[in-house]
Full PDB file with SEQRES, HELIX, SHEET, SSBOND, CRYST1, ORIGX, SCALE, CONECT and MASTER records, all heavy atoms in Angstrom:
SEQRES   1 A   37  ALA VAL ASP LYS VAL TRP TRP PRO GLU VAL ALA ASP LEU          
SEQRES   2 A   37  SER LEU GLU TRP PHE ASP SER LYS SER GLU ALA LEU ALA          
SEQRES   3 A   37  ALA GLU ARG ARG ALA ILE ARG ALA GLU SER PRO                  
HELIX    1 AA1 TRP A    7  GLU A    9  5                                   3    
HELIX    2 AA2 LYS A   21  GLU A   35  1                                  15    
CRYST1    1.000    1.000    1.000  90.00  90.00  90.00 P 1           1          
ORIGX1      1.000000  0.000000  0.000000        0.00000                         
ORIGX2      0.000000  1.000000  0.000000        0.00000                         
ORIGX3      0.000000  0.000000  1.000000        0.00000                         
SCALE1      1.000000  0.000000  0.000000        0.00000                         
SCALE2      0.000000  1.000000  0.000000        0.00000                         
SCALE3      0.000000  0.000000  1.000000        0.00000                         
ATOM      1  N   ALA A   1      20.771   8.696  12.613  1.00  0.00           N  
ATOM      2  CA  ALA A   1      20.104   7.887  11.583  1.00  0.00           C  
ATOM      3  C   ALA A   1      21.098   6.978  10.867  1.00  0.00           C  
ATOM      4  O   ALA A   1      20.752   5.873  10.454  1.00  0.00           O  
ATOM      5  CB  ALA A   1      19.381   8.788  10.587  1.00  0.00           C  
ATOM      6  N   VAL A   2      22.323   7.443  10.742  1.00  0.00           N  
ATOM      7  CA  VAL A   2      23.365   6.659  10.074  1.00  0.00           C  
ATOM      8  C   VAL A   2      24.020   5.664  11.034  1.00  0.00           C  
ATOM      9  O   VAL A   2      24.290   4.521  10.675  1.00  0.00           O  
ATOM     10  CB  VAL A   2      24.439   7.598   9.466  1.00  0.00           C  
ATOM     11  CG1 VAL A   2      25.644   6.824   8.960  1.00  0.00           C  
ATOM     12  CG2 VAL A   2      23.837   8.439   8.353  1.00  0.00           C  
ATOM     13  N   ASP A   3      24.254   6.095  12.291  1.00  0.00           N  
ATOM     14  CA  ASP A   3      25.063   5.327  13.240  1.00  0.00           C  
ATOM     15  C   ASP A   3      24.306   4.377  14.163  1.00  0.00           C  
ATOM     16  O   ASP A   3      24.885   3.434  14.675  1.00  0.00           O  
ATOM     17  CB  ASP A   3      25.855   6.277  14.157  1.00  0.00           C  
ATOM     18  CG  ASP A   3      26.832   7.147  13.392  1.00  0.00           C  
ATOM     19  OD1 ASP A   3      27.195   6.795  12.262  1.00  0.00           O  
ATOM     20  OD2 ASP A   3      27.232   8.190  13.949  1.00  0.00           O  
ATOM     21  N   LYS A   4      23.043   4.642  14.434  1.00  0.00           N  
ATOM     22  CA  LYS A   4      22.331   3.904  15.483  1.00  0.00           C  
ATOM     23  C   LYS A   4      21.310   2.934  14.902  1.00  0.00           C  
ATOM     24  O   LYS A   4      20.403   3.326  14.178  1.00  0.00           O  
ATOM     25  CB  LYS A   4      21.602   4.876  16.432  1.00  0.00           C  
ATOM     26  CG  LYS A   4      22.489   5.958  17.022  1.00  0.00           C  
ATOM     27  CD  LYS A   4      23.602   5.380  17.873  1.00  0.00           C  
ATOM     28  CE  LYS A   4      24.444   6.490  18.474  1.00  0.00           C  
ATOM     29  NZ  LYS A   4      25.638   6.005  19.100  1.00  0.00           N  
ATOM     30  N   VAL A   5      21.440   1.664  15.271  1.00  0.00           N  
ATOM     31  CA  VAL A   5      20.518   0.648  14.759  1.00  0.00           C  
ATOM     32  C   VAL A   5      19.098   0.870  15.278  1.00  0.00           C  
ATOM     33  O   VAL A   5      18.135   0.423  14.656  1.00  0.00           O  
ATOM     34  CB  VAL A   5      20.994  -0.781  15.109  1.00  0.00           C  
ATOM     35  CG1 VAL A   5      22.311  -1.091  14.425  1.00  0.00           C  
ATOM     36  CG2 VAL A   5      21.109  -0.982  16.604  1.00  0.00           C  
ATOM     37  N   TRP A   6      18.953   1.569  16.403  1.00  0.00           N  
ATOM     38  CA  TRP A   6      17.635   1.813  16.987  1.00  0.00           C  
ATOM     39  C   TRP A   6      16.927   3.017  16.372  1.00  0.00           C  
ATOM     40  O   TRP A   6      15.759   3.258  16.671  1.00  0.00           O  
ATOM     41  CB  TRP A   6      17.728   1.977  18.505  1.00  0.00           C  
ATOM     42  CG  TRP A   6      18.789   2.938  18.977  1.00  0.00           C  
ATOM     43  CD1 TRP A   6      20.028   2.611  19.430  1.00  0.00           C  
ATOM     44  CD2 TRP A   6      18.698   4.370  19.034  1.00  0.00           C  
ATOM     45  NE1 TRP A   6      20.721   3.755  19.772  1.00  0.00           N  
ATOM     46  CE2 TRP A   6      19.925   4.856  19.537  1.00  0.00           C  
ATOM     47  CE3 TRP A   6      17.712   5.295  18.713  1.00  0.00           C  
ATOM     48  CZ2 TRP A   6      20.188   6.204  19.732  1.00  0.00           C  
ATOM     49  CZ3 TRP A   6      17.978   6.654  18.908  1.00  0.00           C  
ATOM     50  CH2 TRP A   6      19.211   7.085  19.406  1.00  0.00           C  
ATOM     51  N   TRP A   7      17.586   3.781  15.511  1.00  0.00           N  
ATOM     52  CA  TRP A   7      16.986   5.001  14.970  1.00  0.00           C  
ATOM     53  C   TRP A   7      15.609   4.781  14.321  1.00  0.00           C  
ATOM     54  O   TRP A   7      14.706   5.601  14.515  1.00  0.00           O  
ATOM     55  CB  TRP A   7      17.932   5.698  13.997  1.00  0.00           C  
ATOM     56  CG  TRP A   7      17.329   6.963  13.467  1.00  0.00           C  
ATOM     57  CD1 TRP A   7      16.765   7.161  12.245  1.00  0.00           C  
ATOM     58  CD2 TRP A   7      17.162   8.202  14.171  1.00  0.00           C  
ATOM     59  NE1 TRP A   7      16.277   8.437  12.130  1.00  0.00           N  
ATOM     60  CE2 TRP A   7      16.509   9.100  13.309  1.00  0.00           C  
ATOM     61  CE3 TRP A   7      17.498   8.644  15.447  1.00  0.00           C  
ATOM     62  CZ2 TRP A   7      16.184  10.408  13.667  1.00  0.00           C  
ATOM     63  CZ3 TRP A   7      17.190   9.944  15.807  1.00  0.00           C  
ATOM     64  CH2 TRP A   7      16.528  10.809  14.913  1.00  0.00           C  
ATOM     65  N   PRO A   8      15.375   3.696  13.576  1.00  0.00           N  
ATOM     66  CA  PRO A   8      14.041   3.504  12.964  1.00  0.00           C  
ATOM     67  C   PRO A   8      12.903   3.415  13.982  1.00  0.00           C  
ATOM     68  O   PRO A   8      11.738   3.614  13.633  1.00  0.00           O  
ATOM     69  CB  PRO A   8      14.192   2.186  12.198  1.00  0.00           C  
ATOM     70  CG  PRO A   8      15.654   2.109  11.893  1.00  0.00           C  
ATOM     71  CD  PRO A   8      16.337   2.706  13.100  1.00  0.00           C  
ATOM     72  N   GLU A   9      13.214   3.166  15.258  1.00  0.00           N  
ATOM     73  CA  GLU A   9      12.181   3.111  16.296  1.00  0.00           C  
ATOM     74  C   GLU A   9      11.675   4.497  16.682  1.00  0.00           C  
ATOM     75  O   GLU A   9      10.605   4.616  17.279  1.00  0.00           O  
ATOM     76  CB  GLU A   9      12.734   2.445  17.554  1.00  0.00           C  
ATOM     77  CG  GLU A   9      13.161   1.009  17.399  1.00  0.00           C  
ATOM     78  CD  GLU A   9      13.777   0.483  18.679  1.00  0.00           C  
ATOM     79  OE1 GLU A   9      13.112   0.551  19.731  1.00  0.00           O  
ATOM     80  OE2 GLU A   9      14.931   0.008  18.622  1.00  0.00           O  
ATOM     81  N   VAL A  10      12.445   5.555  16.378  1.00  0.00           N  
ATOM     82  CA  VAL A  10      12.095   6.907  16.813  1.00  0.00           C  
ATOM     83  C   VAL A  10      10.830   7.382  16.102  1.00  0.00           C  
ATOM     84  O   VAL A  10      10.743   7.401  14.885  1.00  0.00           O  
ATOM     85  CB  VAL A  10      13.254   7.900  16.554  1.00  0.00           C  
ATOM     86  CG1 VAL A  10      12.841   9.321  16.917  1.00  0.00           C  
ATOM     87  CG2 VAL A  10      14.500   7.481  17.321  1.00  0.00           C  
ATOM     88  N   ALA A  11       9.824   7.748  16.924  1.00  0.00           N  
ATOM     89  CA  ALA A  11       8.551   8.240  16.383  1.00  0.00           C  
ATOM     90  C   ALA A  11       8.219   9.633  16.896  1.00  0.00           C  
ATOM     91  O   ALA A  11       7.336  10.299  16.366  1.00  0.00           O  
ATOM     92  CB  ALA A  11       7.426   7.277  16.755  1.00  0.00           C  
ATOM     93  N   ASP A  12       8.923  10.073  17.959  1.00  0.00           N  
ATOM     94  CA  ASP A  12       8.606  11.358  18.571  1.00  0.00           C  
ATOM     95  C   ASP A  12       9.880  11.937  19.174  1.00  0.00           C  
ATOM     96  O   ASP A  12      10.770  11.197  19.606  1.00  0.00           O  
ATOM     97  CB  ASP A  12       7.554  11.168  19.670  1.00  0.00           C  
ATOM     98  CG  ASP A  12       7.137  12.489  20.297  1.00  0.00           C  
ATOM     99  OD1 ASP A  12       6.772  13.418  19.545  1.00  0.00           O  
ATOM    100  OD2 ASP A  12       7.192  12.597  21.532  1.00  0.00           O  
ATOM    101  N   LEU A  13       9.965  13.264  19.181  1.00  0.00           N  
ATOM    102  CA  LEU A  13      11.107  13.915  19.801  1.00  0.00           C  
ATOM    103  C   LEU A  13      10.665  15.203  20.455  1.00  0.00           C  
ATOM    104  O   LEU A  13       9.652  15.788  20.092  1.00  0.00           O  
ATOM    105  CB  LEU A  13      12.213  14.187  18.773  1.00  0.00           C  
ATOM    106  CG  LEU A  13      11.843  15.001  17.527  1.00  0.00           C  
ATOM    107  CD1 LEU A  13      12.076  16.483  17.765  1.00  0.00           C  
ATOM    108  CD2 LEU A  13      12.685  14.529  16.372  1.00  0.00           C  
ATOM    109  N   SER A  14      11.438  15.615  21.454  1.00  0.00           N  
ATOM    110  CA  SER A  14      11.167  16.892  22.114  1.00  0.00           C  
ATOM    111  C   SER A  14      12.487  17.610  22.354  1.00  0.00           C  
ATOM    112  O   SER A  14      13.537  16.982  22.441  1.00  0.00           O  
ATOM    113  CB  SER A  14      10.425  16.677  23.435  1.00  0.00           C  
ATOM    114  OG  SER A  14      11.221  15.926  24.325  1.00  0.00           O  
ATOM    115  N   LEU A  15      12.414  18.935  22.431  1.00  0.00           N  
ATOM    116  CA  LEU A  15      13.596  19.786  22.622  1.00  0.00           C  
ATOM    117  C   LEU A  15      13.404  20.701  23.812  1.00  0.00           C  
ATOM    118  O   LEU A  15      12.305  21.201  24.045  1.00  0.00           O  
ATOM    119  CB  LEU A  15      13.801  20.696  21.402  1.00  0.00           C  
ATOM    120  CG  LEU A  15      14.371  20.112  20.145  1.00  0.00           C  
ATOM    121  CD1 LEU A  15      14.323  21.139  19.034  1.00  0.00           C  
ATOM    122  CD2 LEU A  15      15.791  19.651  20.362  1.00  0.00           C  
ATOM    123  N   GLU A  16      14.495  20.946  24.522  1.00  0.00           N  
ATOM    124  CA  GLU A  16      14.519  21.932  25.598  1.00  0.00           C  
ATOM    125  C   GLU A  16      15.839  22.688  25.443  1.00  0.00           C  
ATOM    126  O   GLU A  16      16.905  22.078  25.473  1.00  0.00           O  
ATOM    127  CB  GLU A  16      14.463  21.214  26.949  1.00  0.00           C  
ATOM    128  CG  GLU A  16      14.412  22.109  28.139  1.00  0.00           C  
ATOM    129  CD  GLU A  16      14.323  21.316  29.446  1.00  0.00           C  
ATOM    130  OE1 GLU A  16      14.162  20.084  29.408  1.00  0.00           O  
ATOM    131  OE2 GLU A  16      14.432  21.958  30.500  1.00  0.00           O  
ATOM    132  N   TRP A  17      15.784  24.008  25.261  1.00  0.00           N  
ATOM    133  CA  TRP A  17      16.986  24.802  24.993  1.00  0.00           C  
ATOM    134  C   TRP A  17      17.584  25.369  26.270  1.00  0.00           C  
ATOM    135  O   TRP A  17      16.863  25.778  27.176  1.00  0.00           O  
ATOM    136  CB  TRP A  17      16.665  25.936  24.034  1.00  0.00           C  
ATOM    137  CG  TRP A  17      16.476  25.459  22.635  1.00  0.00           C  
ATOM    138  CD1 TRP A  17      15.291  25.155  22.028  1.00  0.00           C  
ATOM    139  CD2 TRP A  17      17.488  25.196  21.665  1.00  0.00           C  
ATOM    140  NE1 TRP A  17      15.503  24.728  20.752  1.00  0.00           N  
ATOM    141  CE2 TRP A  17      16.860  24.747  20.499  1.00  0.00           C  
ATOM    142  CE3 TRP A  17      18.885  25.295  21.672  1.00  0.00           C  
ATOM    143  CZ2 TRP A  17      17.556  24.404  19.350  1.00  0.00           C  
ATOM    144  CZ3 TRP A  17      19.581  24.954  20.528  1.00  0.00           C  
ATOM    145  CH2 TRP A  17      18.917  24.509  19.385  1.00  0.00           C  
ATOM    146  N   PHE A  18      18.918  25.417  26.303  1.00  0.00           N  
ATOM    147  CA  PHE A  18      19.670  26.001  27.406  1.00  0.00           C  
ATOM    148  C   PHE A  18      20.616  27.054  26.842  1.00  0.00           C  
ATOM    149  O   PHE A  18      21.033  26.977  25.686  1.00  0.00           O  
ATOM    150  CB  PHE A  18      20.458  24.920  28.153  1.00  0.00           C  
ATOM    151  CG  PHE A  18      19.563  23.954  28.878  1.00  0.00           C  
ATOM    152  CD1 PHE A  18      19.045  22.847  28.218  1.00  0.00           C  
ATOM    153  CD2 PHE A  18      19.206  24.183  30.189  1.00  0.00           C  
ATOM    154  CE1 PHE A  18      18.197  21.967  28.866  1.00  0.00           C  
ATOM    155  CE2 PHE A  18      18.357  23.307  30.855  1.00  0.00           C  
ATOM    156  CZ  PHE A  18      17.855  22.207  30.192  1.00  0.00           C  
ATOM    157  N   ASP A  19      20.964  28.036  27.682  1.00  0.00           N  
ATOM    158  CA  ASP A  19      21.826  29.133  27.245  1.00  0.00           C  
ATOM    159  C   ASP A  19      23.279  28.724  27.074  1.00  0.00           C  
ATOM    160  O   ASP A  19      24.037  29.400  26.392  1.00  0.00           O  
ATOM    161  CB  ASP A  19      21.771  30.297  28.237  1.00  0.00           C  
ATOM    162  CG  ASP A  19      20.435  31.009  28.202  1.00  0.00           C  
ATOM    163  OD1 ASP A  19      19.741  30.935  27.175  1.00  0.00           O  
ATOM    164  OD2 ASP A  19      20.096  31.650  29.210  1.00  0.00           O  
ATOM    165  N   SER A  20      23.693  27.632  27.698  1.00  0.00           N  
ATOM    166  CA  SER A  20      25.094  27.221  27.610  1.00  0.00           C  
ATOM    167  C   SER A  20      25.197  25.706  27.522  1.00  0.00           C  
ATOM    168  O   SER A  20      24.295  24.980  27.932  1.00  0.00           O  
ATOM    169  CB  SER A  20      25.877  27.717  28.824  1.00  0.00           C  
ATOM    170  OG  SER A  20      25.466  27.031  29.983  1.00  0.00           O  
ATOM    171  N   LYS A  21      26.332  25.267  27.009  1.00  0.00           N  
ATOM    172  CA  LYS A  21      26.571  23.834  26.894  1.00  0.00           C  
ATOM    173  C   LYS A  21      26.659  23.185  28.275  1.00  0.00           C  
ATOM    174  O   LYS A  21      26.156  22.090  28.479  1.00  0.00           O  
ATOM    175  CB  LYS A  21      27.852  23.577  26.104  1.00  0.00           C  
ATOM    176  CG  LYS A  21      28.118  22.120  25.861  1.00  0.00           C  
ATOM    177  CD  LYS A  21      29.320  21.908  24.978  1.00  0.00           C  
ATOM    178  CE  LYS A  21      29.547  20.427  24.749  1.00  0.00           C  
ATOM    179  NZ  LYS A  21      30.716  20.186  23.895  1.00  0.00           N  
ATOM    180  N   SER A  22      27.289  23.872  29.244  1.00  0.00           N  
ATOM    181  CA  SER A  22      27.426  23.277  30.573  1.00  0.00           C  
ATOM    182  C   SER A  22      26.062  23.068  31.230  1.00  0.00           C  
ATOM    183  O   SER A  22      25.838  22.058  31.898  1.00  0.00           O  
ATOM    184  CB  SER A  22      28.340  24.115  31.464  1.00  0.00           C  
ATOM    185  OG  SER A  22      27.829  25.406  31.643  1.00  0.00           O  
ATOM    186  N   GLU A  23      25.128  24.000  31.033  1.00  0.00           N  
ATOM    187  CA  GLU A  23      23.779  23.820  31.573  1.00  0.00           C  
ATOM    188  C   GLU A  23      23.088  22.631  30.911  1.00  0.00           C  
ATOM    189  O   GLU A  23      22.418  21.839  31.576  1.00  0.00           O  
ATOM    190  CB  GLU A  23      22.944  25.079  31.357  1.00  0.00           C  
ATOM    191  CG  GLU A  23      23.382  26.247  32.209  1.00  0.00           C  
ATOM    192  CD  GLU A  23      22.692  27.552  31.816  1.00  0.00           C  
ATOM    193  OE1 GLU A  23      22.285  27.715  30.648  1.00  0.00           O  
ATOM    194  OE2 GLU A  23      22.568  28.404  32.701  1.00  0.00           O  
ATOM    195  N   ALA A  24      23.249  22.506  29.595  1.00  0.00           N  
ATOM    196  CA  ALA A  24      22.635  21.388  28.869  1.00  0.00           C  
ATOM    197  C   ALA A  24      23.250  20.053  29.297  1.00  0.00           C  
ATOM    198  O   ALA A  24      22.529  19.065  29.454  1.00  0.00           O  
ATOM    199  CB  ALA A  24      22.781  21.592  27.363  1.00  0.00           C  
ATOM    200  N   LEU A  25      24.569  20.021  29.493  1.00  0.00           N  
ATOM    201  CA  LEU A  25      25.233  18.793  29.941  1.00  0.00           C  
ATOM    202  C   LEU A  25      24.707  18.347  31.304  1.00  0.00           C  
ATOM    203  O   LEU A  25      24.441  17.163  31.526  1.00  0.00           O  
ATOM    204  CB  LEU A  25      26.743  18.991  30.011  1.00  0.00           C  
ATOM    205  CG  LEU A  25      27.486  18.938  28.688  1.00  0.00           C  
ATOM    206  CD1 LEU A  25      28.906  19.482  28.849  1.00  0.00           C  
ATOM    207  CD2 LEU A  25      27.521  17.517  28.150  1.00  0.00           C  
ATOM    208  N   ALA A  26      24.548  19.304  32.214  1.00  0.00           N  
ATOM    209  CA  ALA A  26      24.040  18.974  33.546  1.00  0.00           C  
ATOM    210  C   ALA A  26      22.601  18.460  33.453  1.00  0.00           C  
ATOM    211  O   ALA A  26      22.239  17.484  34.122  1.00  0.00           O  
ATOM    212  CB  ALA A  26      24.134  20.190  34.460  1.00  0.00           C  
ATOM    213  N   ALA A  27      21.787  19.097  32.630  1.00  0.00           N  
ATOM    214  CA  ALA A  27      20.397  18.663  32.458  1.00  0.00           C  
ATOM    215  C   ALA A  27      20.338  17.279  31.813  1.00  0.00           C  
ATOM    216  O   ALA A  27      19.493  16.452  32.181  1.00  0.00           O  
ATOM    217  CB  ALA A  27      19.627  19.679  31.615  1.00  0.00           C  
ATOM    218  N   GLU A  28      21.232  17.026  30.860  1.00  0.00           N  
ATOM    219  CA  GLU A  28      21.283  15.711  30.217  1.00  0.00           C  
ATOM    220  C   GLU A  28      21.609  14.627  31.243  1.00  0.00           C  
ATOM    221  O   GLU A  28      20.944  13.585  31.297  1.00  0.00           O  
ATOM    222  CB  GLU A  28      22.337  15.716  29.106  1.00  0.00           C  
ATOM    223  CG  GLU A  28      22.526  14.359  28.440  1.00  0.00           C  
ATOM    224  CD  GLU A  28      23.714  14.334  27.499  1.00  0.00           C  
ATOM    225  OE1 GLU A  28      24.740  14.980  27.796  1.00  0.00           O  
ATOM    226  OE2 GLU A  28      23.618  13.657  26.462  1.00  0.00           O  
ATOM    227  N   ARG A  29      22.616  14.874  32.072  1.00  0.00           N  
ATOM    228  CA  ARG A  29      23.008  13.907  33.089  1.00  0.00           C  
ATOM    229  C   ARG A  29      21.844  13.620  34.045  1.00  0.00           C  
ATOM    230  O   ARG A  29      21.537  12.457  34.328  1.00  0.00           O  
ATOM    231  CB  ARG A  29      24.228  14.433  33.857  1.00  0.00           C  
ATOM    232  CG  ARG A  29      24.780  13.476  34.882  1.00  0.00           C  
ATOM    233  CD  ARG A  29      26.069  13.961  35.550  1.00  0.00           C  
ATOM    234  NE  ARG A  29      25.993  15.319  36.056  1.00  0.00           N  
ATOM    235  CZ  ARG A  29      26.592  16.387  35.483  1.00  0.00           C  
ATOM    236  NH1 ARG A  29      27.312  16.242  34.397  1.00  0.00           N  
ATOM    237  NH2 ARG A  29      26.462  17.588  36.012  1.00  0.00           N  
ATOM    238  N   ARG A  30      21.155  14.676  34.499  1.00  0.00           N  
ATOM    239  CA  ARG A  30      20.012  14.498  35.394  1.00  0.00           C  
ATOM    240  C   ARG A  30      18.894  13.709  34.707  1.00  0.00           C  
ATOM    241  O   ARG A  30      18.293  12.811  35.305  1.00  0.00           O  
ATOM    242  CB  ARG A  30      19.472  15.844  35.861  1.00  0.00           C  
ATOM    243  CG  ARG A  30      20.345  16.552  36.878  1.00  0.00           C  
ATOM    244  CD  ARG A  30      19.657  17.766  37.475  1.00  0.00           C  
ATOM    245  NE  ARG A  30      19.199  18.726  36.491  1.00  0.00           N  
ATOM    246  CZ  ARG A  30      19.921  19.743  36.014  1.00  0.00           C  
ATOM    247  NH1 ARG A  30      21.154  19.919  36.432  1.00  0.00           N  
ATOM    248  NH2 ARG A  30      19.415  20.574  35.127  1.00  0.00           N  
ATOM    249  N   ALA A  31      18.597  14.050  33.447  1.00  0.00           N  
ATOM    250  CA  ALA A  31      17.511  13.382  32.712  1.00  0.00           C  
ATOM    251  C   ALA A  31      17.808  11.899  32.514  1.00  0.00           C  
ATOM    252  O   ALA A  31      16.928  11.050  32.704  1.00  0.00           O  
ATOM    253  CB  ALA A  31      17.289  14.071  31.364  1.00  0.00           C  
ATOM    254  N   ILE A  32      19.037  11.579  32.148  1.00  0.00           N  
ATOM    255  CA  ILE A  32      19.386  10.167  31.920  1.00  0.00           C  
ATOM    256  C   ILE A  32      19.279   9.379  33.211  1.00  0.00           C  
ATOM    257  O   ILE A  32      18.706   8.280  33.247  1.00  0.00           O  
ATOM    258  CB  ILE A  32      20.789  10.044  31.294  1.00  0.00           C  
ATOM    259  CG1 ILE A  32      20.781  10.626  29.877  1.00  0.00           C  
ATOM    260  CG2 ILE A  32      21.255   8.588  31.281  1.00  0.00           C  
ATOM    261  CD1 ILE A  32      22.161  10.801  29.257  1.00  0.00           C  
ATOM    262  N   ARG A  33      19.792   9.949  34.296  1.00  0.00           N  
ATOM    263  CA  ARG A  33      19.734   9.249  35.584  1.00  0.00           C  
ATOM    264  C   ARG A  33      18.295   9.073  36.066  1.00  0.00           C  
ATOM    265  O   ARG A  33      17.941   8.028  36.604  1.00  0.00           O  
ATOM    266  CB  ARG A  33      20.562   9.992  36.622  1.00  0.00           C  
ATOM    267  CG  ARG A  33      22.044   9.845  36.389  1.00  0.00           C  
ATOM    268  CD  ARG A  33      22.857  10.587  37.411  1.00  0.00           C  
ATOM    269  NE  ARG A  33      24.282  10.355  37.177  1.00  0.00           N  
ATOM    270  CZ  ARG A  33      25.232  11.119  37.663  1.00  0.00           C  
ATOM    271  NH1 ARG A  33      24.941  12.156  38.417  1.00  0.00           N  
ATOM    272  NH2 ARG A  33      26.495  10.847  37.403  1.00  0.00           N  
ATOM    273  N   ALA A  34      17.466  10.086  35.881  1.00  0.00           N  
ATOM    274  CA  ALA A  34      16.091  10.035  36.392  1.00  0.00           C  
ATOM    275  C   ALA A  34      15.147   9.250  35.487  1.00  0.00           C  
ATOM    276  O   ALA A  34      14.218   8.603  35.974  1.00  0.00           O  
ATOM    277  CB  ALA A  34      15.556  11.459  36.577  1.00  0.00           C  
ATOM    278  N   GLU A  35      15.375   9.294  34.168  1.00  0.00           N  
ATOM    279  CA  GLU A  35      14.407   8.734  33.222  1.00  0.00           C  
ATOM    280  C   GLU A  35      14.841   7.417  32.585  1.00  0.00           C  
ATOM    281  O   GLU A  35      14.046   6.760  31.928  1.00  0.00           O  
ATOM    282  CB  GLU A  35      14.109   9.787  32.145  1.00  0.00           C  
ATOM    283  CG  GLU A  35      13.542  11.068  32.731  1.00  0.00           C  
ATOM    284  CD  GLU A  35      13.524  12.223  31.739  1.00  0.00           C  
ATOM    285  OE1 GLU A  35      13.190  11.979  30.557  1.00  0.00           O  
ATOM    286  OE2 GLU A  35      13.852  13.344  32.148  1.00  0.00           O  
ATOM    287  N   SER A  36      16.095   7.024  32.732  1.00  0.00           N  
ATOM    288  CA  SER A  36      16.632   5.751  32.234  1.00  0.00           C  
ATOM    289  C   SER A  36      16.259   5.430  30.789  1.00  0.00           C  
ATOM    290  O   SER A  36      15.599   4.423  30.509  1.00  0.00           O  
ATOM    291  CB  SER A  36      16.188   4.597  33.137  1.00  0.00           C  
ATOM    292  OG  SER A  36      16.634   4.808  34.449  1.00  0.00           O  
ATOM    293  N   PRO A  37      16.672   6.252  29.831  1.00  0.00           N  
ATOM    294  CA  PRO A  37      16.377   5.931  28.434  1.00  0.00           C  
ATOM    295  C   PRO A  37      17.051   4.616  28.015  1.00  0.00           C  
ATOM    296  O   PRO A  37      18.148   4.309  28.462  1.00  0.00           O  
ATOM    297  CB  PRO A  37      16.955   7.119  27.656  1.00  0.00           C  
ATOM    298  CG  PRO A  37      17.819   7.858  28.607  1.00  0.00           C  
ATOM    299  CD  PRO A  37      17.459   7.458  29.993  1.00  0.00           C  
TER     300      PRO A  37                                                      
MASTER        0    0    0    2    0    0    0    6  299    1    0    3          
END                                                                             
Protein backbone atom coordinates (compact mmCIF):
# COMPACT_ATOMS: atom_id res chain seq x y z
CA ALA A 1 0.00 0.00 0.00
CA VAL A 2 2.93 2.31 0.69
CA ASP A 3 5.29 1.20 -2.11
CA LYS A 4 3.14 0.27 -5.11
CA VAL A 5 1.35 2.82 -7.27
CA TRP A 6 -1.06 0.09 -8.43
CA TRP A 7 -2.24 -0.77 -4.89
CA PRO A 8 -5.47 1.34 -5.12
CA GLU A 9 -6.59 -0.98 -7.96
CA VAL A 10 -6.72 -3.99 -5.60
CA ALA A 11 -10.33 -5.03 -4.96
CA ASP A 12 -9.95 -8.75 -4.19
CA LEU A 13 -7.36 -11.09 -2.75
CA SER A 14 -6.95 -14.80 -2.16
CA LEU A 15 -4.59 -16.87 -0.01
CA GLU A 16 -3.16 -20.37 -0.32
CA TRP A 17 -0.99 -21.63 2.57
CA PHE A 18 2.08 -23.86 2.27
CA ASP A 19 4.03 -25.66 5.00
CA SER A 20 7.38 -24.20 3.94
CA LYS A 21 8.81 -21.16 2.24
CA SER A 22 10.43 -23.28 -0.50
CA GLU A 23 7.04 -24.81 -1.40
CA ALA A 24 5.47 -21.34 -1.52
CA LEU A 25 8.33 -19.98 -3.67
CA ALA A 26 7.90 -22.81 -6.17
CA ALA A 27 4.12 -22.26 -6.29
CA GLU A 28 4.65 -18.51 -6.74
CA ARG A 29 7.00 -19.09 -9.68
CA ARG A 30 4.52 -21.50 -11.32
CA ALA A 31 1.57 -19.12 -10.74
CA ILE A 32 3.37 -16.10 -12.20
CA ARG A 33 4.50 -18.02 -15.27
CA ALA A 34 1.07 -19.57 -15.87
CA GLU A 35 -1.17 -16.62 -14.96
CA SER A 36 0.92 -13.58 -16.05
CA PRO A 37 -0.11 -11.04 -13.41
